[in-house]
Amino acid sequence: MKTNGYTFAELNGKEELIEEIRSVESKLQEQTGEPITLIAYEKERAGNGERA
C-alpha cells in the first residue's frame, strides 16, 4: 500500500521491533483506555518510488 510518499515498513524477521511496537500499543491503551494500533511506514525516496 502506498500513501502520499510512504509505504508499509518491511518488518518481517524483525521480531524485536514488532514486540517493541506491541509494547507501546499496550502502554498507550493503558493510558487512554482505548485500543491503539500503531502502523509502521517508510518514507519513499523522492521521485522513484523506492524506500528511503
PDB file of N, CA and C in Angstrom:
ATOM      1  N   MET A   1       0.837  -1.186   0.000  1.00  0.00           N
ATOM      2  CA  MET A   1       0.000   0.000   0.000  1.00  0.00           C
ATOM      3  C   MET A   1       0.879   1.244   0.000  1.00  0.00           C
ATOM      4  N   LYS A   2       0.529   2.211  -0.826  1.00  0.00           N
ATOM      5  CA  LYS A   2       1.257   3.471  -0.863  1.00  0.00           C
ATOM      6  C   LYS A   2       0.335   4.600  -0.408  1.00  0.00           C
ATOM      7  N   THR A   3       0.884   5.512   0.389  1.00  0.00           N
ATOM      8  CA  THR A   3       0.119   6.633   0.886  1.00  0.00           C
ATOM      9  C   THR A   3       0.996   7.877   0.909  1.00  0.00           C
ATOM     10  N   ASN A   4       0.772   8.779  -0.033  1.00  0.00           N
ATOM     11  CA  ASN A   4       1.458  10.080  -0.032  1.00  0.00           C
ATOM     12  C   ASN A   4       2.949   9.990   0.251  1.00  0.00           C
ATOM     13  N   GLY A   5       3.667   9.208  -0.526  1.00  0.00           N
ATOM     14  CA  GLY A   5       5.110   9.116  -0.369  1.00  0.00           C
ATOM     15  C   GLY A   5       5.576   8.138   0.691  1.00  0.00           C
ATOM     16  N   TYR A   6       4.658   7.348   1.237  1.00  0.00           N
ATOM     17  CA  TYR A   6       5.017   6.359   2.246  1.00  0.00           C
ATOM     18  C   TYR A   6       4.510   4.995   1.824  1.00  0.00           C
ATOM     19  N   THR A   7       5.204   3.953   2.279  1.00  0.00           N
ATOM     20  CA  THR A   7       4.793   2.577   2.057  1.00  0.00           C
ATOM     21  C   THR A   7       4.962   1.825   3.368  1.00  0.00           C
ATOM     22  N   PHE A   8       4.258   0.708   3.537  1.00  0.00           N
ATOM     23  CA  PHE A   8       4.405  -0.061   4.769  1.00  0.00           C
ATOM     24  C   PHE A   8       5.870  -0.454   4.979  1.00  0.00           C
ATOM     25  N   ALA A   9       6.348  -0.348   6.202  1.00  0.00           N
ATOM     26  CA  ALA A   9       7.707  -0.762   6.540  1.00  0.00           C
ATOM     27  C   ALA A   9       7.792  -2.283   6.500  1.00  0.00           C
ATOM     28  N   GLU A  10       8.885  -2.797   6.009  1.00  0.00           N
ATOM     29  CA  GLU A  10       9.121  -4.237   5.950  1.00  0.00           C
ATOM     30  C   GLU A  10       9.720  -4.675   7.287  1.00  0.00           C
ATOM     31  N   LEU A  11       8.913  -5.365   8.097  1.00  0.00           N
ATOM     32  CA  LEU A  11       9.358  -5.791   9.428  1.00  0.00           C
ATOM     33  C   LEU A  11       9.454  -7.302   9.561  1.00  0.00           C
ATOM     34  N   ASN A  12       9.292  -8.035   8.460  1.00  0.00           N
ATOM     35  CA  ASN A  12       9.431  -9.500   8.524  1.00  0.00           C
ATOM     36  C   ASN A  12      10.806  -9.861   9.048  1.00  0.00           C
ATOM     37  N   GLY A  13      10.839 -10.760  10.009  1.00  0.00           N
ATOM     38  CA  GLY A  13      12.104 -11.212  10.576  1.00  0.00           C
ATOM     39  C   GLY A  13      12.678 -10.270  11.615  1.00  0.00           C
ATOM     40  N   LYS A  14      11.965  -9.214  11.949  1.00  0.00           N
ATOM     41  CA  LYS A  14      12.446  -8.242  12.936  1.00  0.00           C
ATOM     42  C   LYS A  14      11.549  -8.305  14.169  1.00  0.00           C
ATOM     43  N   GLU A  15      11.539  -9.475  14.783  1.00  0.00           N
ATOM     44  CA  GLU A  15      10.632  -9.743  15.897  1.00  0.00           C
ATOM     45  C   GLU A  15      10.827  -8.790  17.075  1.00  0.00           C
ATOM     46  N   GLU A  16      12.064  -8.362  17.339  1.00  0.00           N
ATOM     47  CA  GLU A  16      12.299  -7.431  18.446  1.00  0.00           C
ATOM     48  C   GLU A  16      11.580  -6.111  18.208  1.00  0.00           C
ATOM     49  N   LEU A  17      11.606  -5.623  16.980  1.00  0.00           N
ATOM     50  CA  LEU A  17      10.920  -4.376  16.652  1.00  0.00           C
ATOM     51  C   LEU A  17       9.408  -4.536  16.756  1.00  0.00           C
ATOM     52  N   ILE A  18       8.904  -5.651  16.279  1.00  0.00           N
ATOM     53  CA  ILE A  18       7.463  -5.914  16.357  1.00  0.00           C
ATOM     54  C   ILE A  18       7.019  -5.977  17.807  1.00  0.00           C
ATOM     55  N   GLU A  19       7.789  -6.634  18.653  1.00  0.00           N
ATOM     56  CA  GLU A  19       7.443  -6.728  20.070  1.00  0.00           C
ATOM     57  C   GLU A  19       7.496  -5.354  20.734  1.00  0.00           C
ATOM     58  N   GLU A  20       8.430  -4.517  20.334  1.00  0.00           N
ATOM     59  CA  GLU A  20       8.504  -3.166  20.886  1.00  0.00           C
ATOM     60  C   GLU A  20       7.266  -2.351  20.495  1.00  0.00           C
ATOM     61  N   ILE A  21       6.815  -2.482  19.258  1.00  0.00           N
ATOM     62  CA  ILE A  21       5.592  -1.809  18.819  1.00  0.00           C
ATOM     63  C   ILE A  21       4.404  -2.297  19.635  1.00  0.00           C
ATOM     64  N   ARG A  22       4.301  -3.600  19.844  1.00  0.00           N
ATOM     65  CA  ARG A  22       3.200  -4.152  20.646  1.00  0.00           C
ATOM     66  C   ARG A  22       3.239  -3.627  22.077  1.00  0.00           C
ATOM     67  N   SER A  23       4.427  -3.494  22.625  1.00  0.00           N
ATOM     68  CA  SER A  23       4.578  -2.979  23.980  1.00  0.00           C
ATOM     69  C   SER A  23       4.090  -1.532  24.065  1.00  0.00           C
ATOM     70  N   VAL A  24       4.449  -0.722  23.096  1.00  0.00           N
ATOM     71  CA  VAL A  24       3.999   0.677  23.079  1.00  0.00           C
ATOM     72  C   VAL A  24       2.485   0.748  22.903  1.00  0.00           C
ATOM     73  N   GLU A  25       1.931  -0.112  22.048  1.00  0.00           N
ATOM     74  CA  GLU A  25       0.477  -0.168  21.881  1.00  0.00           C
ATOM     75  C   GLU A  25      -0.208  -0.454  23.222  1.00  0.00           C
ATOM     76  N   SER A  26       0.324  -1.401  23.975  1.00  0.00           N
ATOM     77  CA  SER A  26      -0.257  -1.752  25.278  1.00  0.00           C
ATOM     78  C   SER A  26      -0.184  -0.587  26.251  1.00  0.00           C
ATOM     79  N   LYS A  27       0.965   0.086  26.290  1.00  0.00           N
ATOM     80  CA  LYS A  27       1.126   1.229  27.182  1.00  0.00           C
ATOM     81  C   LYS A  27       0.150   2.347  26.818  1.00  0.00           C
ATOM     82  N   LEU A  28      -0.014   2.603  25.535  1.00  0.00           N
ATOM     83  CA  LEU A  28      -0.946   3.638  25.104  1.00  0.00           C
ATOM     84  C   LEU A  28      -2.385   3.272  25.448  1.00  0.00           C
ATOM     85  N   GLN A  29      -2.721   1.999  25.317  1.00  0.00           N
ATOM     86  CA  GLN A  29      -4.066   1.556  25.666  1.00  0.00           C
ATOM     87  C   GLN A  29      -4.322   1.741  27.166  1.00  0.00           C
ATOM     88  N   GLU A  30      -3.327   1.417  27.982  1.00  0.00           N
ATOM     89  CA  GLU A  30      -3.470   1.609  29.423  1.00  0.00           C
ATOM     90  C   GLU A  30      -3.690   3.077  29.764  1.00  0.00           C
ATOM     91  N   GLN A  31      -2.972   3.965  29.085  1.00  0.00           N
ATOM     92  CA  GLN A  31      -3.055   5.395  29.378  1.00  0.00           C
ATOM     93  C   GLN A  31      -4.345   6.024  28.867  1.00  0.00           C
ATOM     94  N   THR A  32      -4.857   5.534  27.726  1.00  0.00           N
ATOM     95  CA  THR A  32      -6.026   6.165  27.115  1.00  0.00           C
ATOM     96  C   THR A  32      -7.335   5.433  27.401  1.00  0.00           C
ATOM     97  N   GLY A  33      -7.238   4.157  27.747  1.00  0.00           N
ATOM     98  CA  GLY A  33      -8.428   3.351  27.930  1.00  0.00           C
ATOM     99  C   GLY A  33      -9.066   2.925  26.618  1.00  0.00           C
ATOM    100  N   GLU A  34      -8.369   3.156  25.522  1.00  0.00           N
ATOM    101  CA  GLU A  34      -8.858   2.812  24.178  1.00  0.00           C
ATOM    102  C   GLU A  34      -7.847   1.913  23.488  1.00  0.00           C
ATOM    103  N   PRO A  35      -8.310   0.987  22.645  1.00  0.00           N
ATOM    104  CA  PRO A  35      -7.358   0.178  21.881  1.00  0.00           C
ATOM    105  C   PRO A  35      -6.592   1.062  20.891  1.00  0.00           C
ATOM    106  N   ILE A  36      -5.292   0.865  20.833  1.00  0.00           N
ATOM    107  CA  ILE A  36      -4.411   1.646  19.961  1.00  0.00           C
ATOM    108  C   ILE A  36      -3.664   0.692  19.042  1.00  0.00           C
ATOM    109  N   THR A  37      -3.601   1.021  17.778  1.00  0.00           N
ATOM    110  CA  THR A  37      -2.820   0.246  16.816  1.00  0.00           C
ATOM    111  C   THR A  37      -1.822   1.174  16.149  1.00  0.00           C
ATOM    112  N   LEU A  38      -0.545   0.833  16.236  1.00  0.00           N
ATOM    113  CA  LEU A  38       0.491   1.603  15.560  1.00  0.00           C
ATOM    114  C   LEU A  38       0.794   0.956  14.216  1.00  0.00           C
ATOM    115  N   ILE A  39       1.008   1.765  13.204  1.00  0.00           N
ATOM    116  CA  ILE A  39       1.296   1.282  11.863  1.00  0.00           C
ATOM    117  C   ILE A  39       2.644   1.853  11.440  1.00  0.00           C
ATOM    118  N   ALA A  40       3.555   0.993  10.988  1.00  0.00           N
ATOM    119  CA  ALA A  40       4.899   1.417  10.600  1.00  0.00           C
ATOM    120  C   ALA A  40       4.960   1.663   9.095  1.00  0.00           C
ATOM    121  N   TYR A  41       5.377   2.865   8.741  1.00  0.00           N
ATOM    122  CA  TYR A  41       5.584   3.239   7.345  1.00  0.00           C
ATOM    123  C   TYR A  41       7.028   3.633   7.126  1.00  0.00           C
ATOM    124  N   GLU A  42       7.471   3.530   5.884  1.00  0.00           N
ATOM    125  CA  GLU A  42       8.774   4.039   5.474  1.00  0.00           C
ATOM    126  C   GLU A  42       8.546   5.128   4.442  1.00  0.00           C
ATOM    127  N   LYS A  43       9.324   6.199   4.521  1.00  0.00           N
ATOM    128  CA  LYS A  43       9.238   7.263   3.535  1.00  0.00           C
ATOM    129  C   LYS A  43       9.947   6.817   2.261  1.00  0.00           C
ATOM    130  N   GLU A  44       9.314   7.061   1.116  1.00  0.00           N
ATOM    131  CA  GLU A  44       9.922   6.703  -0.162  1.00  0.00           C
ATOM    132  C   GLU A  44      10.913   7.776  -0.578  1.00  0.00           C
ATOM    133  N   ARG A  45      11.898   7.377  -1.355  1.00  0.00           N
ATOM    134  CA  ARG A  45      12.838   8.344  -1.925  1.00  0.00           C
ATOM    135  C   ARG A  45      12.121   9.190  -2.952  1.00  0.00           C
ATOM    136  N   ALA A  46      12.497  10.429  -3.019  1.00  0.00           N
ATOM    137  CA  ALA A  46      11.828  11.381  -3.920  1.00  0.00           C
ATOM    138  C   ALA A  46      11.888  10.917  -5.371  1.00  0.00           C
ATOM    139  N   GLY A  47      10.711  10.803  -5.985  1.00  0.00           N
ATOM    140  CA  GLY A  47      10.613  10.614  -7.417  1.00  0.00           C
ATOM    141  C   GLY A  47      10.719   9.217  -7.964  1.00  0.00           C
ATOM    142  N   ASN A  48      11.246   8.248  -7.206  1.00  0.00           N
ATOM    143  CA  ASN A  48      11.427   6.924  -7.826  1.00  0.00           C
ATOM    144  C   ASN A  48      10.640   5.801  -7.157  1.00  0.00           C
ATOM    145  N   GLY A  49       9.878   6.113  -6.123  1.00  0.00           N
ATOM    146  CA  GLY A  49       9.025   5.105  -5.503  1.00  0.00           C
ATOM    147  C   GLY A  49       9.758   4.074  -4.678  1.00  0.00           C
ATOM    148  N   GLU A  50      11.074   4.223  -4.502  1.00  0.00           N
ATOM    149  CA  GLU A  50      11.838   3.297  -3.678  1.00  0.00           C
ATOM    150  C   GLU A  50      11.804   3.761  -2.231  1.00  0.00           C
ATOM    151  N   ARG A  51      12.098   2.843  -1.351  1.00  0.00           N
ATOM    152  CA  ARG A  51      12.151   3.171   0.069  1.00  0.00           C
ATOM    153  C   ARG A  51      13.389   3.974   0.370  1.00  0.00           C
ATOM    154  N   ALA A  52      13.248   4.895   1.318  1.00  0.00           N
ATOM    155  CA  ALA A  52      14.381   5.734   1.728  1.00  0.00           C
ATOM    156  C   ALA A  52      15.332   4.942   2.589  1.00  0.00           C
TER     157      ALA A  52
END
